[in-house]
Amino acid sequence: MSKEPITPSDFGTLITADGSEYAAESDLSDALTNSARGNDNFSTYNQMNPGTSGRILLCFSIPRGTKVKAIHWGIDTYGDYPAYALAVR
């Protein structure tokens, strides 16, 4: 748990079965996040302070038929944060 603010848009890349990585579609992810229940005035472009919460919806554009292996969750921009790969079934 960090004591520093984080930017939610730094979270998440999609990893395919062949090892390709796709970044989330920033504008669409932000629009979906803004419209999520309980996210009044929440934006993935603004920093979140420790102790705050919100629903983050990520949208990825990948070729049809692509097999998804995992979602790389977490930021490791400065080596200060853990990064996780969540398996997708």
PDB file of N, CA and C in Angstrom:
ATOM      1  N   MET A   1       0.854  -1.167   0.000  1.00  0.00           N
ATOM      2  CA  MET A   1       0.000   0.000   0.000  1.00  0.00           C
ATOM      3  C   MET A   1       0.904   1.235   0.000  1.00  0.00           C
ATOM      4  N   SER A   2       0.651   2.104  -0.936  1.00  0.00           N
ATOM      5  CA  SER A   2       1.462   3.307  -1.055  1.00  0.00           C
ATOM      6  C   SER A   2       0.870   4.452  -0.241  1.00  0.00           C
ATOM      7  N   LYS A   3       1.709   5.351   0.175  1.00  0.00           N
ATOM      8  CA  LYS A   3       1.243   6.553   0.846  1.00  0.00           C
ATOM      9  C   LYS A   3       1.215   7.727  -0.122  1.00  0.00           C
ATOM     10  N   GLU A   4       1.571   7.455  -1.387  1.00  0.00           N
ATOM     11  CA  GLU A   4       1.598   8.482  -2.422  1.00  0.00           C
ATOM     12  C   GLU A   4       0.366   8.343  -3.320  1.00  0.00           C
ATOM     13  N   PRO A   5      -0.117   9.459  -3.887  1.00  0.00           N
ATOM     14  CA  PRO A   5      -1.227   9.363  -4.846  1.00  0.00           C
ATOM     15  C   PRO A   5      -0.816   8.558  -6.072  1.00  0.00           C
ATOM     16  N   ILE A   6      -1.780   7.895  -6.697  1.00  0.00           N
ATOM     17  CA  ILE A   6      -1.535   7.151  -7.926  1.00  0.00           C
ATOM     18  C   ILE A   6      -2.509   7.623  -9.005  1.00  0.00           C
ATOM     19  N   THR A   7      -2.151   7.387 -10.243  1.00  0.00           N
ATOM     20  CA  THR A   7      -3.021   7.713 -11.360  1.00  0.00           C
ATOM     21  C   THR A   7      -3.633   6.405 -11.863  1.00  0.00           C
ATOM     22  N   PRO A   8      -4.962   6.239 -11.758  1.00  0.00           N
ATOM     23  CA  PRO A   8      -5.585   4.974 -12.155  1.00  0.00           C
ATOM     24  C   PRO A   8      -5.323   4.571 -13.597  1.00  0.00           C
ATOM     25  N   SER A   9      -5.109   5.514 -14.495  1.00  0.00           N
ATOM     26  CA  SER A   9      -4.891   5.153 -15.896  1.00  0.00           C
ATOM     27  C   SER A   9      -3.567   4.418 -16.098  1.00  0.00           C
ATOM     28  N   ASP A  10      -2.694   4.396 -15.088  1.00  0.00           N
ATOM     29  CA  ASP A  10      -1.438   3.668 -15.180  1.00  0.00           C
ATOM     30  C   ASP A  10      -1.626   2.162 -14.985  1.00  0.00           C
ATOM     31  N   PHE A  11      -2.816   1.748 -14.626  1.00  0.00           N
ATOM     32  CA  PHE A  11      -3.070   0.347 -14.340  1.00  0.00           C
ATOM     33  C   PHE A  11      -3.427  -0.428 -15.599  1.00  0.00           C
ATOM     34  N   GLY A  12      -2.964  -1.636 -15.662  1.00  0.00           N
ATOM     35  CA  GLY A  12      -3.483  -2.623 -16.570  1.00  0.00           C
ATOM     36  C   GLY A  12      -3.024  -2.654 -18.006  1.00  0.00           C
ATOM     37  N   THR A  13      -2.441  -3.765 -18.405  1.00  0.00           N
ATOM     38  CA  THR A  13      -2.235  -4.101 -19.805  1.00  0.00           C
ATOM     39  C   THR A  13      -2.746  -5.519 -19.986  1.00  0.00           C
ATOM     40  N   LEU A  14      -3.204  -5.828 -21.191  1.00  0.00           N
ATOM     41  CA  LEU A  14      -3.709  -7.144 -21.496  1.00  0.00           C
ATOM     42  C   LEU A  14      -2.597  -7.948 -22.148  1.00  0.00           C
ATOM     43  N   ILE A  15      -2.383  -9.177 -21.695  1.00  0.00           N
ATOM     44  CA  ILE A  15      -1.333 -10.045 -22.229  1.00  0.00           C
ATOM     45  C   ILE A  15      -2.007 -11.202 -22.962  1.00  0.00           C
ATOM     46  N   THR A  16      -1.617 -11.417 -24.218  1.00  0.00           N
ATOM     47  CA  THR A  16      -2.208 -12.485 -25.016  1.00  0.00           C
ATOM     48  C   THR A  16      -1.403 -13.773 -24.871  1.00  0.00           C
ATOM     49  N   ALA A  17      -1.966 -14.856 -25.386  1.00  0.00           N
ATOM     50  CA  ALA A  17      -1.313 -16.165 -25.302  1.00  0.00           C
ATOM     51  C   ALA A  17       0.039 -16.181 -26.015  1.00  0.00           C
ATOM     52  N   ASP A  18       0.196 -15.342 -27.059  1.00  0.00           N
ATOM     53  CA  ASP A  18       1.482 -15.312 -27.773  1.00  0.00           C
ATOM     54  C   ASP A  18       2.461 -14.303 -27.186  1.00  0.00           C
ATOM     55  N   GLY A  19       2.097 -13.678 -26.052  1.00  0.00           N
ATOM     56  CA  GLY A  19       2.994 -12.753 -25.367  1.00  0.00           C
ATOM     57  C   GLY A  19       2.847 -11.302 -25.759  1.00  0.00           C
ATOM     58  N   SER A  20       1.946 -10.982 -26.694  1.00  0.00           N
ATOM     59  CA  SER A  20       1.708  -9.583 -27.059  1.00  0.00           C
ATOM     60  C   SER A  20       1.034  -8.851 -25.908  1.00  0.00           C
ATOM     61  N   GLU A  21       1.312  -7.566 -25.780  1.00  0.00           N
ATOM     62  CA  GLU A  21       0.694  -6.757 -24.744  1.00  0.00           C
ATOM     63  C   GLU A  21      -0.072  -5.617 -25.376  1.00  0.00           C
ATOM     64  N   TYR A  22      -1.249  -5.352 -24.844  1.00  0.00           N
ATOM     65  CA  TYR A  22      -2.094  -4.260 -25.320  1.00  0.00           C
ATOM     66  C   TYR A  22      -2.393  -3.326 -24.157  1.00  0.00           C
ATOM     67  N   ALA A  23      -2.248  -2.035 -24.399  1.00  0.00           N
ATOM     68  CA  ALA A  23      -2.602  -1.037 -23.396  1.00  0.00           C
ATOM     69  C   ALA A  23      -4.107  -0.804 -23.445  1.00  0.00           C
ATOM     70  N   ALA A  24      -4.666  -0.378 -22.333  1.00  0.00           N
ATOM     71  CA  ALA A  24      -6.093  -0.051 -22.291  1.00  0.00           C
ATOM     72  C   ALA A  24      -6.354   1.179 -23.154  1.00  0.00           C
ATOM     73  N   GLU A  25      -7.542   1.241 -23.733  1.00  0.00           N
ATOM     74  CA  GLU A  25      -7.979   2.400 -24.500  1.00  0.00           C
ATOM     75  C   GLU A  25      -8.333   3.504 -23.504  1.00  0.00           C
ATOM     76  N   SER A  26      -7.458   4.493 -23.375  1.00  0.00           N
ATOM     77  CA  SER A  26      -7.584   5.502 -22.321  1.00  0.00           C
ATOM     78  C   SER A  26      -8.904   6.249 -22.333  1.00  0.00           C
ATOM     79  N   ASP A  27      -9.282   6.809 -23.482  1.00  0.00           N
ATOM     80  CA  ASP A  27     -10.504   7.623 -23.524  1.00  0.00           C
ATOM     81  C   ASP A  27     -11.754   6.795 -23.250  1.00  0.00           C
ATOM     82  N   LEU A  28     -11.846   5.609 -23.846  1.00  0.00           N
ATOM     83  CA  LEU A  28     -13.013   4.752 -23.626  1.00  0.00           C
ATOM     84  C   LEU A  28     -13.048   4.228 -22.197  1.00  0.00           C
ATOM     85  N   SER A  29     -11.903   3.839 -21.671  1.00  0.00           N
ATOM     86  CA  SER A  29     -11.842   3.371 -20.280  1.00  0.00           C
ATOM     87  C   SER A  29     -12.280   4.480 -19.327  1.00  0.00           C
ATOM     88  N   ASP A  30     -11.852   5.723 -19.600  1.00  0.00           N
ATOM     89  CA  ASP A  30     -12.237   6.847 -18.749  1.00  0.00           C
ATOM     90  C   ASP A  30     -13.743   7.104 -18.832  1.00  0.00           C
ATOM     91  N   ALA A  31     -14.302   7.046 -20.051  1.00  0.00           N
ATOM     92  CA  ALA A  31     -15.744   7.260 -20.215  1.00  0.00           C
ATOM     93  C   ALA A  31     -16.545   6.192 -19.481  1.00  0.00           C
ATOM     94  N   LEU A  32     -16.137   4.927 -19.587  1.00  0.00           N
ATOM     95  CA  LEU A  32     -16.834   3.851 -18.886  1.00  0.00           C
ATOM     96  C   LEU A  32     -16.697   3.998 -17.374  1.00  0.00           C
ATOM     97  N   THR A  33     -15.500   4.354 -16.927  1.00  0.00           N
ATOM     98  CA  THR A  33     -15.268   4.545 -15.498  1.00  0.00           C
ATOM     99  C   THR A  33     -16.123   5.684 -14.962  1.00  0.00           C
ATOM    100  N   ASN A  34     -16.198   6.794 -15.711  1.00  0.00           N
ATOM    101  CA  ASN A  34     -17.005   7.933 -15.268  1.00  0.00           C
ATOM    102  C   ASN A  34     -18.479   7.584 -15.123  1.00  0.00           C
ATOM    103  N   SER A  35     -18.969   6.659 -15.972  1.00  0.00           N
ATOM    104  CA  SER A  35     -20.386   6.323 -15.928  1.00  0.00           C
ATOM    105  C   SER A  35     -20.702   5.168 -14.982  1.00  0.00           C
ATOM    106  N   ALA A  36     -19.692   4.592 -14.361  1.00  0.00           N
ATOM    107  CA  ALA A  36     -19.918   3.476 -13.433  1.00  0.00           C
ATOM    108  C   ALA A  36     -20.646   3.962 -12.181  1.00  0.00           C
ATOM    109  N   ARG A  37     -21.513   3.111 -11.680  1.00  0.00           N
ATOM    110  CA  ARG A  37     -22.269   3.449 -10.477  1.00  0.00           C
ATOM    111  C   ARG A  37     -21.329   3.774  -9.318  1.00  0.00           C
ATOM    112  N   GLY A  38     -21.586   4.878  -8.641  1.00  0.00           N
ATOM    113  CA  GLY A  38     -20.796   5.268  -7.477  1.00  0.00           C
ATOM    114  C   GLY A  38     -19.539   6.051  -7.800  1.00  0.00           C
ATOM    115  N   ASN A  39     -19.321   6.377  -9.070  1.00  0.00           N
ATOM    116  CA  ASN A  39     -18.099   7.092  -9.453  1.00  0.00           C
ATOM    117  C   ASN A  39     -18.381   8.544  -9.824  1.00  0.00           C
ATOM    118  N   ASP A  40     -19.144   9.244  -9.047  1.00  0.00           N
ATOM    119  CA  ASP A  40     -19.433  10.650  -9.338  1.00  0.00           C
ATOM    120  C   ASP A  40     -18.146  11.455  -9.436  1.00  0.00           C
ATOM    121  N   ASN A  41     -17.944  12.103 -10.575  1.00  0.00           N
ATOM    122  CA  ASN A  41     -16.776  12.958 -10.817  1.00  0.00           C
ATOM    123  C   ASN A  41     -15.443  12.227 -10.690  1.00  0.00           C
ATOM    124  N   PHE A  42     -15.420  10.940 -10.975  1.00  0.00           N
ATOM    125  CA  PHE A  42     -14.185  10.156 -10.904  1.00  0.00           C
ATOM    126  C   PHE A  42     -13.594  10.058 -12.304  1.00  0.00           C
ATOM    127  N   SER A  43     -12.315  10.306 -12.432  1.00  0.00           N
ATOM    128  CA  SER A  43     -11.652  10.225 -13.725  1.00  0.00           C
ATOM    129  C   SER A  43     -10.378   9.411 -13.589  1.00  0.00           C
ATOM    130  N   THR A  44     -10.093   8.571 -14.590  1.00  0.00           N
ATOM    131  CA  THR A  44      -8.866   7.788 -14.555  1.00  0.00           C
ATOM    132  C   THR A  44      -7.646   8.640 -14.853  1.00  0.00           C
ATOM    133  N   TYR A  45      -7.867   9.889 -15.279  1.00  0.00           N
ATOM    134  CA  TYR A  45      -6.747  10.786 -15.576  1.00  0.00           C
ATOM    135  C   TYR A  45      -6.280  11.562 -14.338  1.00  0.00           C
ATOM    136  N   ASN A  46      -7.105  11.599 -13.301  1.00  0.00           N
ATOM    137  CA  ASN A  46      -6.757  12.336 -12.082  1.00  0.00           C
ATOM    138  C   ASN A  46      -6.136  11.399 -11.054  1.00  0.00           C
ATOM    139  N   GLN A  47      -5.278  11.934 -10.220  1.00  0.00           N
ATOM    140  CA  GLN A  47      -4.647  11.123  -9.188  1.00  0.00           C
ATOM    141  C   GLN A  47      -5.641  10.788  -8.088  1.00  0.00           C
ATOM    142  N   MET A  48      -5.460   9.577  -7.539  1.00  0.00           N
ATOM    143  CA  MET A  48      -6.250   9.137  -6.390  1.00  0.00           C
ATOM    144  C   MET A  48      -5.363   9.201  -5.156  1.00  0.00           C
ATOM    145  N   ASN A  49      -5.891   9.760  -4.114  1.00  0.00           N
ATOM    146  CA  ASN A  49      -5.157   9.811  -2.854  1.00  0.00           C
ATOM    147  C   ASN A  49      -5.352   8.506  -2.092  1.00  0.00           C
ATOM    148  N   PRO A  50      -4.376   8.143  -1.269  1.00  0.00           N
ATOM    149  CA  PRO A  50      -4.528   6.930  -0.452  1.00  0.00           C
ATOM    150  C   PRO A  50      -5.812   6.991   0.360  1.00  0.00           C
ATOM    151  N   GLY A  51      -6.497   5.871   0.446  1.00  0.00           N
ATOM    152  CA  GLY A  51      -7.734   5.794   1.210  1.00  0.00           C
ATOM    153  C   GLY A  51      -8.981   6.062   0.391  1.00  0.00           C
ATOM    154  N   THR A  52      -8.857   6.579  -0.840  1.00  0.00           N
ATOM    155  CA  THR A  52     -10.027   6.782  -1.684  1.00  0.00           C
ATOM    156  C   THR A  52     -10.234   5.548  -2.542  1.00  0.00           C
ATOM    157  N   SER A  53     -11.432   5.391  -3.050  1.00  0.00           N
ATOM    158  CA  SER A  53     -11.708   4.236  -3.890  1.00  0.00           C
ATOM    159  C   SER A  53     -12.645   4.612  -5.025  1.00  0.00           C
ATOM    160  N   GLY A  54     -12.708   3.759  -5.992  1.00  0.00           N
ATOM    161  CA  GLY A  54     -13.601   3.941  -7.127  1.00  0.00           C
ATOM    162  C   GLY A  54     -13.573   2.698  -7.974  1.00  0.00           C
ATOM    163  N   ARG A  55     -14.519   2.565  -8.876  1.00  0.00           N
ATOM    164  CA  ARG A  55     -14.566   1.438  -9.815  1.00  0.00           C
ATOM    165  C   ARG A  55     -13.818   1.840 -11.064  1.00  0.00           C
ATOM    166  N   ILE A  56     -12.861   1.043 -11.470  1.00  0.00           N
ATOM    167  CA  ILE A  56     -12.090   1.321 -12.676  1.00  0.00           C
ATOM    168  C   ILE A  56     -12.453   0.264 -13.713  1.00  0.00           C
ATOM    169  N   LEU A  57     -12.957   0.709 -14.853  1.00  0.00           N
ATOM    170  CA  LEU A  57     -13.299  -0.192 -15.940  1.00  0.00           C
ATOM    171  C   LEU A  57     -12.283   0.016 -17.048  1.00  0.00           C
ATOM    172  N   LEU A  58     -11.638  -1.050 -17.458  1.00  0.00           N
ATOM    173  CA  LEU A  58     -10.637  -0.972 -18.516  1.00  0.00           C
ATOM    174  C   LEU A  58     -11.201  -1.573 -19.798  1.00  0.00           C
ATOM    175  N   CYS A  59     -10.939  -0.914 -20.911  1.00  0.00           N
ATOM    176  CA  CYS A  59     -11.389  -1.373 -22.214  1.00  0.00           C
ATOM    177  C   CYS A  59     -10.167  -1.592 -23.100  1.00  0.00           C
ATOM    178  N   PHE A  60     -10.113  -2.747 -23.761  1.00  0.00           N
ATOM    179  CA  PHE A  60      -9.000  -3.090 -24.635  1.00  0.00           C
ATOM    180  C   PHE A  60      -9.525  -3.375 -26.033  1.00  0.00           C
ATOM    181  N   SER A  61      -8.810  -2.942 -27.046  1.00  0.00           N
ATOM    182  CA  SER A  61      -9.122  -3.283 -28.437  1.00  0.00           C
ATOM    183  C   SER A  61      -8.091  -4.306 -28.896  1.00  0.00           C
ATOM    184  N   ILE A  62      -8.567  -5.528 -29.138  1.00  0.00           N
ATOM    185  CA  ILE A  62      -7.670  -6.594 -29.590  1.00  0.00           C
ATOM    186  C   ILE A  62      -8.302  -7.274 -30.798  1.00  0.00           C
ATOM    187  N   PRO A  63      -7.499  -7.905 -31.644  1.00  0.00           N
ATOM    188  CA  PRO A  63      -8.053  -8.592 -32.804  1.00  0.00           C
ATOM    189  C   PRO A  63      -9.008  -9.720 -32.401  1.00  0.00           C
ATOM    190  N   ARG A  64     -10.066  -9.885 -33.183  1.00  0.00           N
ATOM    191  CA  ARG A  64     -11.033 -10.962 -32.952  1.00  0.00           C
ATOM    192  C   ARG A  64     -10.311 -12.307 -32.954  1.00  0.00           C
ATOM    193  N   GLY A  65     -10.677 -13.166 -32.034  1.00  0.00           N
ATOM    194  CA  GLY A  65     -10.087 -14.495 -31.960  1.00  0.00           C
ATOM    195  C   GLY A  65      -8.809 -14.564 -31.142  1.00  0.00           C
ATOM    196  N   THR A  66      -8.333 -13.420 -30.655  1.00  0.00           N
ATOM    197  CA  THR A  66      -7.113 -13.406 -29.843  1.00  0.00           C
ATOM    198  C   THR A  66      -7.371 -14.084 -28.507  1.00  0.00           C
ATOM    199  N   LYS A  67      -6.495 -14.949 -28.100  1.00  0.00           N
ATOM    200  CA  LYS A  67      -6.622 -15.624 -26.809  1.00  0.00           C
ATOM    201  C   LYS A  67      -5.918 -14.788 -25.743  1.00  0.00           C
ATOM    202  N   VAL A  68      -6.659 -14.429 -24.719  1.00  0.00           N
ATOM    203  CA  VAL A  68      -6.135 -13.606 -23.633  1.00  0.00           C
ATOM    204  C   VAL A  68      -5.566 -14.517 -22.561  1.00  0.00           C
ATOM    205  N   LYS A  69      -4.344 -14.219 -22.135  1.00  0.00           N
ATOM    206  CA  LYS A  69      -3.684 -15.020 -21.108  1.00  0.00           C
ATOM    207  C   LYS A  69      -3.843 -14.391 -19.734  1.00  0.00           C
ATOM    208  N   ALA A  70      -3.641 -13.059 -19.646  1.00  0.00           N
ATOM    209  CA  ALA A  70      -3.654 -12.408 -18.334  1.00  0.00           C
ATOM    210  C   ALA A  70      -3.864 -10.908 -18.481  1.00  0.00           C
ATOM    211  N   ILE A  71      -4.199 -10.304 -17.377  1.00  0.00           N
ATOM    212  CA  ILE A  71      -4.213  -8.845 -17.262  1.00  0.00           C
ATOM    213  C   ILE A  71      -3.057  -8.487 -16.338  1.00  0.00           C
ATOM    214  N   HIS A  72      -2.151  -7.671 -16.833  1.00  0.00           N
ATOM    215  CA  HIS A  72      -1.030  -7.196 -16.016  1.00  0.00           C
ATOM    216  C   HIS A  72      -1.575  -6.033 -15.209  1.00  0.00           C
ATOM    217  N   TRP A  73      -1.694  -6.235 -13.918  1.00  0.00           N
ATOM    218  CA  TRP A  73      -2.338  -5.249 -13.057  1.00  0.00           C
ATOM    219  C   TRP A  73      -1.329  -4.666 -12.103  1.00  0.00           C
ATOM    220  N   GLY A  74      -1.288  -3.392 -12.027  1.00  0.00           N
ATOM    221  CA  GLY A  74      -0.375  -2.710 -11.129  1.00  0.00           C
ATOM    222  C   GLY A  74       0.584  -1.851 -11.909  1.00  0.00           C
ATOM    223  N   ILE A  75       1.191  -0.921 -11.236  1.00  0.00           N
ATOM    224  CA  ILE A  75       2.144  -0.038 -11.889  1.00  0.00           C
ATOM    225  C   ILE A  75       3.518  -0.297 -11.325  1.00  0.00           C
ATOM    226  N   ASP A  76       4.478  -0.201 -12.160  1.00  0.00           N
ATOM    227  CA  ASP A  76       5.863  -0.393 -11.735  1.00  0.00           C
ATOM    228  C   ASP A  76       6.717   0.687 -12.372  1.00  0.00           C
ATOM    229  N   THR A  77       6.144   1.864 -12.518  1.00  0.00           N
ATOM    230  CA  THR A  77       6.803   2.972 -13.199  1.00  0.00           C
ATOM    231  C   THR A  77       8.146   3.307 -12.576  1.00  0.00           C
ATOM    232  N   TYR A  78       8.191   3.352 -11.263  1.00  0.00           N
ATOM    233  CA  TYR A  78       9.415   3.738 -10.573  1.00  0.00           C
ATOM    234  C   TYR A  78      10.004   2.602  -9.757  1.00  0.00           C
ATOM    235  N   GLY A  79       9.473   1.401  -9.912  1.00  0.00           N
ATOM    236  CA  GLY A  79       9.964   0.268  -9.148  1.00  0.00           C
ATOM    237  C   GLY A  79       9.473   0.259  -7.714  1.00  0.00           C
ATOM    238  N   ASP A  80       8.523   1.161  -7.396  1.00  0.00           N
ATOM    239  CA  ASP A  80       8.031   1.269  -6.028  1.00  0.00           C
ATOM    240  C   ASP A  80       6.753   0.480  -5.776  1.00  0.00           C
ATOM    241  N   TYR A  81       6.105   0.040  -6.828  1.00  0.00           N
ATOM    242  CA  TYR A  81       4.817  -0.605  -6.676  1.00  0.00           C
ATOM    243  C   TYR A  81       4.883  -2.042  -7.164  1.00  0.00           C
ATOM    244  N   PRO A  82       4.143  -2.926  -6.539  1.00  0.00           N
ATOM    245  CA  PRO A  82       4.099  -4.302  -7.039  1.00  0.00           C
ATOM    246  C   PRO A  82       3.318  -4.365  -8.338  1.00  0.00           C
ATOM    247  N   ALA A  83       3.644  -5.303  -9.181  1.00  0.00           N
ATOM    248  CA  ALA A  83       2.884  -5.557 -10.398  1.00  0.00           C
ATOM    249  C   ALA A  83       2.430  -7.012 -10.371  1.00  0.00           C
ATOM    250  N   TYR A  84       1.219  -7.246 -10.839  1.00  0.00           N
ATOM    251  CA  TYR A  84       0.639  -8.580 -10.803  1.00  0.00           C
ATOM    252  C   TYR A  84       0.149  -8.956 -12.183  1.00  0.00           C
ATOM    253  N   ALA A  85       0.144 -10.223 -12.486  1.00  0.00           N
ATOM    254  CA  ALA A  85      -0.478 -10.736 -13.696  1.00  0.00           C
ATOM    255  C   ALA A  85      -1.636 -11.631 -13.255  1.00  0.00           C
ATOM    256  N   LEU A  86      -2.851 -11.221 -13.540  1.00  0.00           N
ATOM    257  CA  LEU A  86      -4.031 -11.987 -13.172  1.00  0.00           C
ATOM    258  C   LEU A  86      -4.405 -12.881 -14.344  1.00  0.00           C
ATOM    259  N   ALA A  87      -4.423 -14.167 -14.148  1.00  0.00           N
ATOM    260  CA  ALA A  87      -4.760 -15.110 -15.216  1.00  0.00           C
ATOM    261  C   ALA A  87      -6.201 -14.942 -15.638  1.00  0.00           C
ATOM    262  N   VAL A  88      -6.457 -15.090 -16.923  1.00  0.00           N
ATOM    263  CA  VAL A  88      -7.807 -15.033 -17.477  1.00  0.00           C
ATOM    264  C   VAL A  88      -8.158 -16.407 -17.987  1.00  0.00           C
ATOM    265  N   ARG A  89      -9.311 -16.906 -17.636  1.00  0.00           N
ATOM    266  CA  ARG A  89      -9.734 -18.241 -18.078  1.00  0.00           C
ATOM    267  C   ARG A  89     -10.828 -18.132 -19.097  1.00  0.00           C
TER     268      ARG A  89
END
